[in-house]
Amino acid sequence: MKASHLHKIQFVTTEISLGVLLIAMTKEGICSITFADDEKTATDELAERFPNASFEELAANDFPSLSTIISEIENNGDFNDVTFDLHGSEFRHRVWDALKQIPAGETRTYSEIAEMIGQPTATRAVASACASNPIAVVIPCHRVIRNDGGLGGYRWELSRKEELLKRELARSQS
């Protein structure tokens, strides 16, 4: 589902270990953190997600808290010092909140998330909420796997999901 808010969105793209990172913010806070293989793909996705917004690209040194966010992404941070502007249904917010309860280095199944939010038959809706997640890593949908233990999908490529899980597991064991 596309967000259709009339916002001015400032954004920055930068290269990190997981590829091109795009971070976008409104005056209320960060509204999107995404990964892509190149800047054009990242900016096209942002424009598609917010079709009625106006956009301003900032230089890296003009983007507030960029270095903090990159450090948090690269190091399993807690993102406590970052404000977010998240739009979604009440159900999606409940799923996203449940995802944030999964400790780094651990995974849960879509069914377990459905149970956590008190809707055990909503496994497909949970998967949809994960797929619509606007904030990579902060809302750790990469920690959700299929019931058979398979990784399932990942909006920002399965190889990134695999790398994120590998890094988190290594850090949690050290």
N, C-alpha and C. Protein backbone atom coordinates (compact mmCIF):
# COMPACT_ATOMS: atom_id res chain seq x y z
N MET A 1 0.85 -1.18 0.00
CA MET A 1 0.00 0.00 0.00
C MET A 1 0.89 1.23 0.00
N LYS A 2 0.54 2.18 -0.81
CA LYS A 2 1.33 3.39 -0.93
C LYS A 2 0.83 4.44 0.04
N ALA A 3 1.77 5.14 0.62
CA ALA A 3 1.41 6.29 1.44
C ALA A 3 1.15 7.45 0.48
N SER A 4 0.18 8.27 0.76
CA SER A 4 -0.14 9.35 -0.18
C SER A 4 -0.23 10.69 0.54
N HIS A 5 0.68 10.92 1.44
CA HIS A 5 0.66 12.13 2.24
C HIS A 5 1.29 13.28 1.48
N LEU A 6 0.74 14.47 1.65
CA LEU A 6 1.29 15.66 1.02
C LEU A 6 2.38 16.22 1.92
N HIS A 7 3.58 15.70 1.76
CA HIS A 7 4.70 16.09 2.61
C HIS A 7 5.85 16.59 1.76
N LYS A 8 6.65 17.41 2.37
CA LYS A 8 7.95 17.69 1.81
C LYS A 8 8.88 16.67 2.44
N ILE A 9 9.57 15.92 1.63
CA ILE A 9 10.45 14.88 2.11
C ILE A 9 11.87 15.20 1.70
N GLN A 10 12.74 15.25 2.69
CA GLN A 10 14.16 15.41 2.43
C GLN A 10 14.78 14.03 2.52
N PHE A 11 15.76 13.78 1.66
CA PHE A 11 16.37 12.46 1.67
C PHE A 11 17.85 12.55 1.34
N VAL A 12 18.53 11.48 1.68
CA VAL A 12 19.94 11.34 1.37
C VAL A 12 20.18 9.89 0.96
N THR A 13 21.10 9.70 0.05
CA THR A 13 21.55 8.35 -0.30
C THR A 13 23.03 8.28 -0.01
N THR A 14 23.45 7.12 0.46
CA THR A 14 24.87 6.92 0.76
C THR A 14 25.16 5.43 0.62
N GLU A 15 26.39 5.11 0.41
CA GLU A 15 26.81 3.72 0.28
C GLU A 15 27.25 3.21 1.65
N ILE A 16 26.71 2.04 2.04
CA ILE A 16 27.17 1.38 3.25
C ILE A 16 27.48 -0.07 2.90
N SER A 17 27.83 -0.86 3.87
CA SER A 17 28.23 -2.25 3.60
C SER A 17 27.12 -3.09 2.96
N LEU A 18 25.87 -2.70 3.16
CA LEU A 18 24.74 -3.46 2.62
C LEU A 18 24.24 -2.92 1.28
N GLY A 19 24.93 -1.94 0.71
CA GLY A 19 24.53 -1.37 -0.57
C GLY A 19 24.18 0.09 -0.42
N VAL A 20 23.35 0.59 -1.32
CA VAL A 20 22.91 1.98 -1.25
C VAL A 20 21.83 2.09 -0.19
N LEU A 21 22.03 3.01 0.72
CA LEU A 21 21.08 3.29 1.78
C LEU A 21 20.39 4.61 1.46
N LEU A 22 19.06 4.62 1.51
CA LEU A 22 18.31 5.86 1.36
C LEU A 22 17.56 6.09 2.66
N ILE A 23 17.73 7.29 3.20
CA ILE A 23 17.02 7.68 4.41
C ILE A 23 16.23 8.93 4.06
N ALA A 24 14.93 8.92 4.36
CA ALA A 24 14.06 10.05 4.05
C ALA A 24 13.35 10.51 5.30
N MET A 25 13.11 11.82 5.37
CA MET A 25 12.44 12.34 6.56
C MET A 25 11.50 13.48 6.20
N THR A 26 10.44 13.55 6.99
CA THR A 26 9.52 14.68 6.94
C THR A 26 9.88 15.57 8.13
N LYS A 27 9.14 16.63 8.33
CA LYS A 27 9.43 17.48 9.50
C LYS A 27 9.12 16.74 10.80
N GLU A 28 8.30 15.66 10.73
CA GLU A 28 7.96 14.88 11.93
C GLU A 28 9.02 13.84 12.27
N GLY A 29 9.82 13.40 11.31
CA GLY A 29 10.83 12.39 11.58
C GLY A 29 11.14 11.53 10.38
N ILE A 30 11.92 10.49 10.59
CA ILE A 30 12.31 9.58 9.52
C ILE A 30 11.07 8.82 9.04
N CYS A 31 10.82 8.85 7.73
CA CYS A 31 9.64 8.16 7.18
C CYS A 31 10.03 6.95 6.33
N SER A 32 11.30 6.84 5.98
CA SER A 32 11.72 5.72 5.15
C SER A 32 13.21 5.47 5.29
N ILE A 33 13.56 4.21 5.46
CA ILE A 33 14.95 3.75 5.37
C ILE A 33 14.91 2.51 4.49
N THR A 34 15.60 2.59 3.37
CA THR A 34 15.57 1.48 2.42
C THR A 34 16.96 1.17 1.88
N PHE A 35 17.10 -0.03 1.35
CA PHE A 35 18.32 -0.46 0.68
C PHE A 35 18.02 -0.67 -0.79
N ALA A 36 19.04 -0.46 -1.61
CA ALA A 36 18.92 -0.75 -3.04
C ALA A 36 20.31 -1.04 -3.58
N ASP A 37 20.34 -1.49 -4.82
CA ASP A 37 21.63 -1.74 -5.46
C ASP A 37 22.21 -0.48 -6.07
N ASP A 38 21.34 0.52 -6.33
CA ASP A 38 21.82 1.77 -6.92
C ASP A 38 20.90 2.91 -6.50
N GLU A 39 21.37 4.13 -6.67
CA GLU A 39 20.62 5.31 -6.22
C GLU A 39 19.30 5.47 -6.98
N LYS A 40 19.31 5.21 -8.27
CA LYS A 40 18.08 5.39 -9.06
C LYS A 40 16.97 4.48 -8.56
N THR A 41 17.28 3.23 -8.29
CA THR A 41 16.28 2.30 -7.77
C THR A 41 15.75 2.81 -6.43
N ALA A 42 16.65 3.28 -5.58
CA ALA A 42 16.24 3.78 -4.26
C ALA A 42 15.33 4.99 -4.38
N THR A 43 15.69 5.96 -5.21
CA THR A 43 14.88 7.17 -5.33
C THR A 43 13.57 6.89 -6.07
N ASP A 44 13.58 5.97 -7.02
CA ASP A 44 12.33 5.60 -7.70
C ASP A 44 11.35 4.98 -6.71
N GLU A 45 11.84 4.11 -5.82
CA GLU A 45 10.97 3.49 -4.82
C GLU A 45 10.39 4.54 -3.87
N LEU A 46 11.21 5.52 -3.48
CA LEU A 46 10.74 6.59 -2.60
C LEU A 46 9.62 7.38 -3.28
N ALA A 47 9.81 7.73 -4.54
CA ALA A 47 8.79 8.48 -5.28
C ALA A 47 7.50 7.67 -5.44
N GLU A 48 7.64 6.37 -5.62
CA GLU A 48 6.46 5.51 -5.75
C GLU A 48 5.72 5.39 -4.42
N ARG A 49 6.45 5.31 -3.35
CA ARG A 49 5.83 5.17 -2.02
C ARG A 49 5.11 6.44 -1.59
N PHE A 50 5.64 7.59 -1.99
CA PHE A 50 5.05 8.89 -1.62
C PHE A 50 4.75 9.69 -2.88
N PRO A 51 3.73 9.29 -3.64
CA PRO A 51 3.48 9.90 -4.95
C PRO A 51 3.08 11.37 -4.91
N ASN A 52 2.58 11.85 -3.79
CA ASN A 52 2.13 13.24 -3.71
C ASN A 52 3.09 14.14 -2.94
N ALA A 53 4.27 13.63 -2.67
CA ALA A 53 5.25 14.41 -1.91
C ALA A 53 6.16 15.20 -2.83
N SER A 54 6.73 16.24 -2.27
CA SER A 54 7.82 16.93 -2.96
C SER A 54 9.11 16.47 -2.29
N PHE A 55 10.18 16.39 -3.06
CA PHE A 55 11.42 15.81 -2.58
C PHE A 55 12.57 16.81 -2.69
N GLU A 56 13.44 16.73 -1.70
CA GLU A 56 14.67 17.53 -1.71
C GLU A 56 15.81 16.61 -1.30
N GLU A 57 16.76 16.44 -2.20
CA GLU A 57 17.92 15.62 -1.87
C GLU A 57 18.94 16.48 -1.14
N LEU A 58 19.43 15.96 -0.04
CA LEU A 58 20.42 16.67 0.76
C LEU A 58 21.79 16.02 0.60
N ALA A 59 22.80 16.81 0.79
CA ALA A 59 24.15 16.27 0.88
C ALA A 59 24.27 15.53 2.21
N ALA A 60 25.12 14.55 2.26
CA ALA A 60 25.27 13.74 3.47
C ALA A 60 25.54 14.59 4.71
N ASN A 61 26.39 15.61 4.58
CA ASN A 61 26.72 16.42 5.75
C ASN A 61 25.60 17.38 6.15
N ASP A 62 24.54 17.49 5.33
CA ASP A 62 23.39 18.33 5.66
C ASP A 62 22.21 17.54 6.23
N PHE A 63 22.36 16.22 6.32
CA PHE A 63 21.25 15.38 6.79
C PHE A 63 21.42 15.10 8.27
N PRO A 64 20.46 15.59 9.09
CA PRO A 64 20.59 15.40 10.55
C PRO A 64 20.63 13.92 10.92
N SER A 65 21.50 13.58 11.80
CA SER A 65 21.63 12.25 12.39
C SER A 65 22.01 11.15 11.40
N LEU A 66 22.53 11.49 10.23
CA LEU A 66 22.91 10.46 9.26
C LEU A 66 23.95 9.50 9.83
N SER A 67 25.00 10.03 10.42
CA SER A 67 26.06 9.15 10.93
C SER A 67 25.53 8.26 12.07
N THR A 68 24.63 8.79 12.88
CA THR A 68 24.02 8.00 13.96
C THR A 68 23.22 6.84 13.37
N ILE A 69 22.40 7.13 12.37
CA ILE A 69 21.56 6.08 11.76
C ILE A 69 22.43 5.01 11.10
N ILE A 70 23.46 5.43 10.36
CA ILE A 70 24.34 4.45 9.72
C ILE A 70 25.00 3.58 10.77
N SER A 71 25.49 4.17 11.84
CA SER A 71 26.12 3.41 12.90
C SER A 71 25.13 2.42 13.53
N GLU A 72 23.91 2.87 13.76
CA GLU A 72 22.88 1.99 14.35
C GLU A 72 22.60 0.80 13.42
N ILE A 73 22.51 1.06 12.10
CA ILE A 73 22.24 -0.01 11.14
C ILE A 73 23.41 -0.99 11.10
N GLU A 74 24.62 -0.46 11.04
CA GLU A 74 25.80 -1.32 10.91
C GLU A 74 26.10 -2.10 12.19
N ASN A 75 25.61 -1.61 13.34
CA ASN A 75 26.00 -2.21 14.62
C ASN A 75 24.84 -2.65 15.50
N ASN A 76 23.70 -3.00 14.91
CA ASN A 76 22.53 -3.46 15.70
C ASN A 76 22.13 -2.45 16.75
N GLY A 77 22.08 -1.19 16.41
CA GLY A 77 21.78 -0.17 17.40
C GLY A 77 20.34 -0.20 17.87
N ASP A 78 20.05 0.66 18.81
CA ASP A 78 18.71 0.70 19.38
C ASP A 78 17.85 1.84 18.84
N PHE A 79 18.44 2.76 18.10
CA PHE A 79 17.71 3.85 17.44
C PHE A 79 16.92 4.71 18.43
N ASN A 80 17.35 4.76 19.67
CA ASN A 80 16.62 5.54 20.68
C ASN A 80 16.67 7.03 20.44
N ASP A 81 17.69 7.51 19.74
CA ASP A 81 17.85 8.94 19.54
C ASP A 81 17.28 9.42 18.21
N VAL A 82 16.46 8.60 17.56
CA VAL A 82 15.92 8.94 16.25
C VAL A 82 14.40 9.01 16.34
N THR A 83 13.82 10.05 15.73
CA THR A 83 12.36 10.22 15.70
C THR A 83 11.84 9.70 14.36
N PHE A 84 10.70 9.01 14.40
CA PHE A 84 10.15 8.42 13.18
C PHE A 84 8.76 8.97 12.88
N ASP A 85 8.43 8.98 11.60
CA ASP A 85 7.12 9.40 11.10
C ASP A 85 6.57 8.22 10.31
N LEU A 86 5.89 7.30 11.01
CA LEU A 86 5.40 6.06 10.39
C LEU A 86 3.91 6.15 10.13
N HIS A 87 3.52 5.79 8.93
CA HIS A 87 2.11 5.77 8.56
C HIS A 87 1.71 4.36 8.19
N GLY A 88 0.62 3.90 8.76
CA GLY A 88 0.11 2.57 8.47
C GLY A 88 -1.11 2.32 9.34
N SER A 89 -1.80 1.25 9.03
CA SER A 89 -3.00 0.90 9.79
C SER A 89 -2.63 0.52 11.22
N GLU A 90 -3.62 0.47 12.07
CA GLU A 90 -3.40 0.04 13.46
C GLU A 90 -2.80 -1.37 13.48
N PHE A 91 -3.30 -2.25 12.62
CA PHE A 91 -2.79 -3.61 12.56
C PHE A 91 -1.29 -3.61 12.21
N ARG A 92 -0.92 -2.85 11.20
CA ARG A 92 0.50 -2.80 10.80
C ARG A 92 1.36 -2.26 11.94
N HIS A 93 0.89 -1.24 12.62
CA HIS A 93 1.65 -0.71 13.75
C HIS A 93 1.82 -1.77 14.84
N ARG A 94 0.80 -2.57 15.08
CA ARG A 94 0.92 -3.64 16.07
C ARG A 94 1.96 -4.67 15.64
N VAL A 95 1.96 -5.02 14.36
CA VAL A 95 2.96 -5.95 13.84
C VAL A 95 4.35 -5.34 13.96
N TRP A 96 4.50 -4.09 13.51
CA TRP A 96 5.82 -3.44 13.57
C TRP A 96 6.31 -3.34 15.00
N ASP A 97 5.42 -3.05 15.94
CA ASP A 97 5.81 -2.99 17.36
C ASP A 97 6.26 -4.37 17.85
N ALA A 98 5.56 -5.42 17.42
CA ALA A 98 5.93 -6.78 17.81
C ALA A 98 7.31 -7.14 17.24
N LEU A 99 7.58 -6.72 16.02
CA LEU A 99 8.89 -7.02 15.42
C LEU A 99 10.02 -6.39 16.22
N LYS A 100 9.77 -5.20 16.76
CA LYS A 100 10.80 -4.52 17.53
C LYS A 100 11.09 -5.22 18.85
N GLN A 101 10.24 -6.17 19.24
CA GLN A 101 10.45 -6.93 20.48
C GLN A 101 11.35 -8.14 20.26
N ILE A 102 11.65 -8.48 19.01
CA ILE A 102 12.51 -9.64 18.72
C ILE A 102 13.96 -9.23 18.97
N PRO A 103 14.64 -9.89 19.89
CA PRO A 103 16.03 -9.51 20.16
C PRO A 103 16.94 -9.76 18.96
N ALA A 104 17.94 -8.91 18.80
CA ALA A 104 18.94 -9.11 17.75
C ALA A 104 19.56 -10.50 17.93
N GLY A 105 19.75 -11.19 16.82
CA GLY A 105 20.32 -12.53 16.86
C GLY A 105 19.27 -13.62 16.95
N GLU A 106 18.00 -13.23 17.08
CA GLU A 106 16.91 -14.21 17.15
C GLU A 106 15.95 -13.99 16.00
N THR A 107 15.14 -14.99 15.71
CA THR A 107 14.10 -14.88 14.69
C THR A 107 12.78 -15.37 15.26
N ARG A 108 11.71 -15.01 14.59
CA ARG A 108 10.37 -15.50 14.90
C ARG A 108 9.70 -15.83 13.56
N THR A 109 8.72 -16.71 13.62
CA THR A 109 7.96 -17.02 12.40
C THR A 109 6.80 -16.03 12.26
N TYR A 110 6.26 -15.98 11.06
CA TYR A 110 5.09 -15.14 10.82
C TYR A 110 3.96 -15.56 11.77
N SER A 111 3.81 -16.87 11.98
CA SER A 111 2.77 -17.38 12.89
C SER A 111 3.01 -16.92 14.32
N GLU A 112 4.25 -16.92 14.75
CA GLU A 112 4.56 -16.47 16.11
C GLU A 112 4.23 -14.98 16.28
N ILE A 113 4.48 -14.20 15.25
CA ILE A 113 4.15 -12.77 15.31
C ILE A 113 2.63 -12.61 15.40
N ALA A 114 1.90 -13.38 14.61
CA ALA A 114 0.44 -13.33 14.67
C ALA A 114 -0.06 -13.67 16.08
N GLU A 115 0.56 -14.67 16.70
CA GLU A 115 0.21 -15.03 18.08
C GLU A 115 0.55 -13.87 19.03
N MET A 116 1.72 -13.26 18.85
CA MET A 116 2.16 -12.18 19.73
C MET A 116 1.17 -11.02 19.76
N ILE A 117 0.54 -10.75 18.60
CA ILE A 117 -0.39 -9.62 18.54
C ILE A 117 -1.83 -10.05 18.82
N GLY A 118 -2.00 -11.31 19.20
CA GLY A 118 -3.32 -11.79 19.57
C GLY A 118 -4.24 -12.12 18.41
N GLN A 119 -3.66 -12.33 17.23
CA GLN A 119 -4.45 -12.69 16.05
C GLN A 119 -3.82 -13.89 15.37
N PRO A 120 -3.96 -15.08 15.98
CA PRO A 120 -3.25 -16.25 15.49
C PRO A 120 -3.59 -16.70 14.07
N THR A 121 -4.71 -16.24 13.53
CA THR A 121 -5.06 -16.63 12.15
C THR A 121 -4.62 -15.59 11.12
N ALA A 122 -3.90 -14.58 11.56
CA ALA A 122 -3.54 -13.47 10.68
C ALA A 122 -2.13 -13.59 10.10
N THR A 123 -1.67 -14.82 9.89
CA THR A 123 -0.30 -15.02 9.41
C THR A 123 -0.04 -14.30 8.09
N ARG A 124 -0.95 -14.38 7.14
CA ARG A 124 -0.75 -13.70 5.84
C ARG A 124 -0.76 -12.19 5.99
N ALA A 125 -1.61 -11.69 6.85
CA ALA A 125 -1.65 -10.24 7.09
C ALA A 125 -0.35 -9.78 7.76
N VAL A 126 0.21 -10.61 8.63
CA VAL A 126 1.50 -10.29 9.24
C VAL A 126 2.57 -10.22 8.15
N ALA A 127 2.56 -11.19 7.25
CA ALA A 127 3.54 -11.18 6.14
C ALA A 127 3.39 -9.91 5.30
N SER A 128 2.16 -9.50 5.07
CA SER A 128 1.90 -8.28 4.31
C SER A 128 2.42 -7.04 5.05
N ALA A 129 2.22 -7.01 6.36
CA ALA A 129 2.72 -5.89 7.16
C ALA A 129 4.25 -5.84 7.13
N CYS A 130 4.87 -7.00 7.15
CA CYS A 130 6.34 -7.05 7.04
C CYS A 130 6.79 -6.52 5.69
N ALA A 131 6.09 -6.94 4.64
CA ALA A 131 6.46 -6.51 3.28
C ALA A 131 6.26 -5.01 3.07
N SER A 132 5.36 -4.41 3.84
CA SER A 132 5.10 -2.97 3.68
C SER A 132 5.93 -2.11 4.62
N ASN A 133 6.79 -2.73 5.39
CA ASN A 133 7.62 -2.03 6.36
C ASN A 133 8.40 -0.89 5.67
N PRO A 134 8.22 0.35 6.12
CA PRO A 134 8.93 1.46 5.48
C PRO A 134 10.32 1.73 6.05
N ILE A 135 10.67 1.08 7.15
CA ILE A 135 11.90 1.42 7.87
C ILE A 135 12.76 0.16 8.04
N ALA A 136 13.64 -0.10 7.07
CA ALA A 136 14.52 -1.27 7.15
C ALA A 136 15.34 -1.24 8.43
N VAL A 137 15.58 -2.39 9.00
CA VAL A 137 16.41 -2.65 10.16
C VAL A 137 15.80 -2.12 11.46
N VAL A 138 15.34 -0.87 11.49
CA VAL A 138 14.73 -0.32 12.70
C VAL A 138 13.51 -1.14 13.07
N ILE A 139 12.66 -1.40 12.09
CA ILE A 139 11.57 -2.36 12.25
C ILE A 139 12.12 -3.64 11.64
N PRO A 140 12.59 -4.56 12.47
CA PRO A 140 13.41 -5.67 11.98
C PRO A 140 12.63 -6.81 11.35
N CYS A 141 11.98 -6.52 10.23
CA CYS A 141 11.25 -7.57 9.53
C CYS A 141 12.20 -8.65 9.01
N HIS A 142 13.50 -8.34 8.95
CA HIS A 142 14.47 -9.36 8.53
C HIS A 142 14.56 -10.49 9.56
N ARG A 143 14.03 -10.29 10.76
CA ARG A 143 14.08 -11.33 11.80
C ARG A 143 12.88 -12.28 11.72
N VAL A 144 12.04 -12.14 10.71
CA VAL A 144 10.87 -13.01 10.57
C VAL A 144 11.14 -14.02 9.47
N ILE A 145 10.90 -15.30 9.81
CA ILE A 145 11.17 -16.39 8.89
C ILE A 145 9.91 -17.24 8.70
N ARG A 146 9.98 -18.13 7.74
CA ARG A 146 8.85 -19.04 7.49
C ARG A 146 8.78 -20.11 8.58
N ASN A 147 7.61 -20.74 8.69
CA ASN A 147 7.42 -21.80 9.69
C ASN A 147 8.37 -22.97 9.50
N ASP A 148 8.79 -23.21 8.25
CA ASP A 148 9.70 -24.34 7.99
C ASP A 148 11.16 -23.98 8.24
N GLY A 149 11.41 -22.76 8.73
CA GLY A 149 12.77 -22.33 9.02
C GLY A 149 13.45 -21.62 7.86
N GLY A 150 12.81 -21.63 6.69
CA GLY A 150 13.37 -20.92 5.54
C GLY A 150 13.30 -19.41 5.75
N LEU A 151 14.17 -18.69 5.08
CA LEU A 151 14.22 -17.25 5.27
C LEU A 151 12.97 -16.53 4.75
N GLY A 152 12.28 -17.11 3.79
CA GLY A 152 11.13 -16.42 3.21
C GLY A 152 11.62 -15.31 2.30
N GLY A 153 10.88 -14.22 2.22
CA GLY A 153 11.28 -13.12 1.37
C GLY A 153 11.85 -11.97 2.16
N TYR A 154 12.31 -10.97 1.42
CA TYR A 154 12.77 -9.72 2.04
C TYR A 154 12.68 -8.64 0.97
N ARG A 155 11.98 -7.62 1.30
CA ARG A 155 11.71 -6.53 0.35
C ARG A 155 12.99 -5.95 -0.26
N TRP A 156 14.08 -5.98 0.50
CA TRP A 156 15.33 -5.37 0.04
C TRP A 156 16.37 -6.41 -0.33
N GLU A 157 15.93 -7.54 -0.81
CA GLU A 157 16.74 -8.67 -1.31
C GLU A 157 17.13 -9.63 -0.20
N LEU A 158 16.95 -10.88 -0.51
CA LEU A 158 17.20 -11.96 0.44
C LEU A 158 18.65 -11.99 0.92
N SER A 159 19.60 -11.64 0.05
CA SER A 159 21.01 -11.64 0.46
C SER A 159 21.25 -10.64 1.59
N ARG A 160 20.53 -9.50 1.58
CA ARG A 160 20.67 -8.53 2.67
C ARG A 160 20.08 -9.08 3.96
N LYS A 161 18.94 -9.75 3.86
CA LYS A 161 18.32 -10.36 5.04
C LYS A 161 19.29 -11.37 5.66
N GLU A 162 19.86 -12.20 4.81
CA GLU A 162 20.78 -13.22 5.27
C GLU A 162 22.00 -12.57 5.97
N GLU A 163 22.53 -11.51 5.38
CA GLU A 163 23.69 -10.82 5.96
C GLU A 163 23.33 -10.17 7.30
N LEU A 164 22.17 -9.52 7.37
CA LEU A 164 21.75 -8.89 8.62
C LEU A 164 21.62 -9.93 9.74
N LEU A 165 20.98 -11.06 9.43
CA LEU A 165 20.82 -12.11 10.43
C LEU A 165 22.16 -12.69 10.86
N LYS A 166 23.05 -12.88 9.90
CA LYS A 166 24.39 -13.40 10.20
C LYS A 166 25.14 -12.45 11.13
N ARG A 167 25.11 -11.16 10.84
CA ARG A 167 25.79 -10.17 11.67
C ARG A 167 25.21 -10.14 13.08
N GLU A 168 23.88 -10.13 13.17
CA GLU A 168 23.24 -10.07 14.48
C GLU A 168 23.56 -11.30 15.33
N LEU A 169 23.53 -12.46 14.70
CA LEU A 169 23.84 -13.69 15.43
C LEU A 169 25.28 -13.65 15.93
N ALA A 170 26.21 -13.23 15.08
CA ALA A 170 27.62 -13.15 15.48
C ALA A 170 27.80 -12.18 16.65
N ARG A 171 27.14 -11.02 16.60
CA ARG A 171 27.27 -10.04 17.69
C ARG A 171 26.63 -10.55 18.98
N SER A 172 25.51 -11.26 18.84
CA SER A 172 24.82 -11.74 20.05
C SER A 172 25.60 -12.86 20.73
N GLN A 173 26.45 -13.56 19.98
CA GLN A 173 27.23 -14.66 20.54
C GLN A 173 28.57 -14.20 21.10
N SER A 174 28.94 -12.95 20.83
CA SER A 174 30.25 -12.49 21.31
C SER A 174 30.14 -11.67 22.57
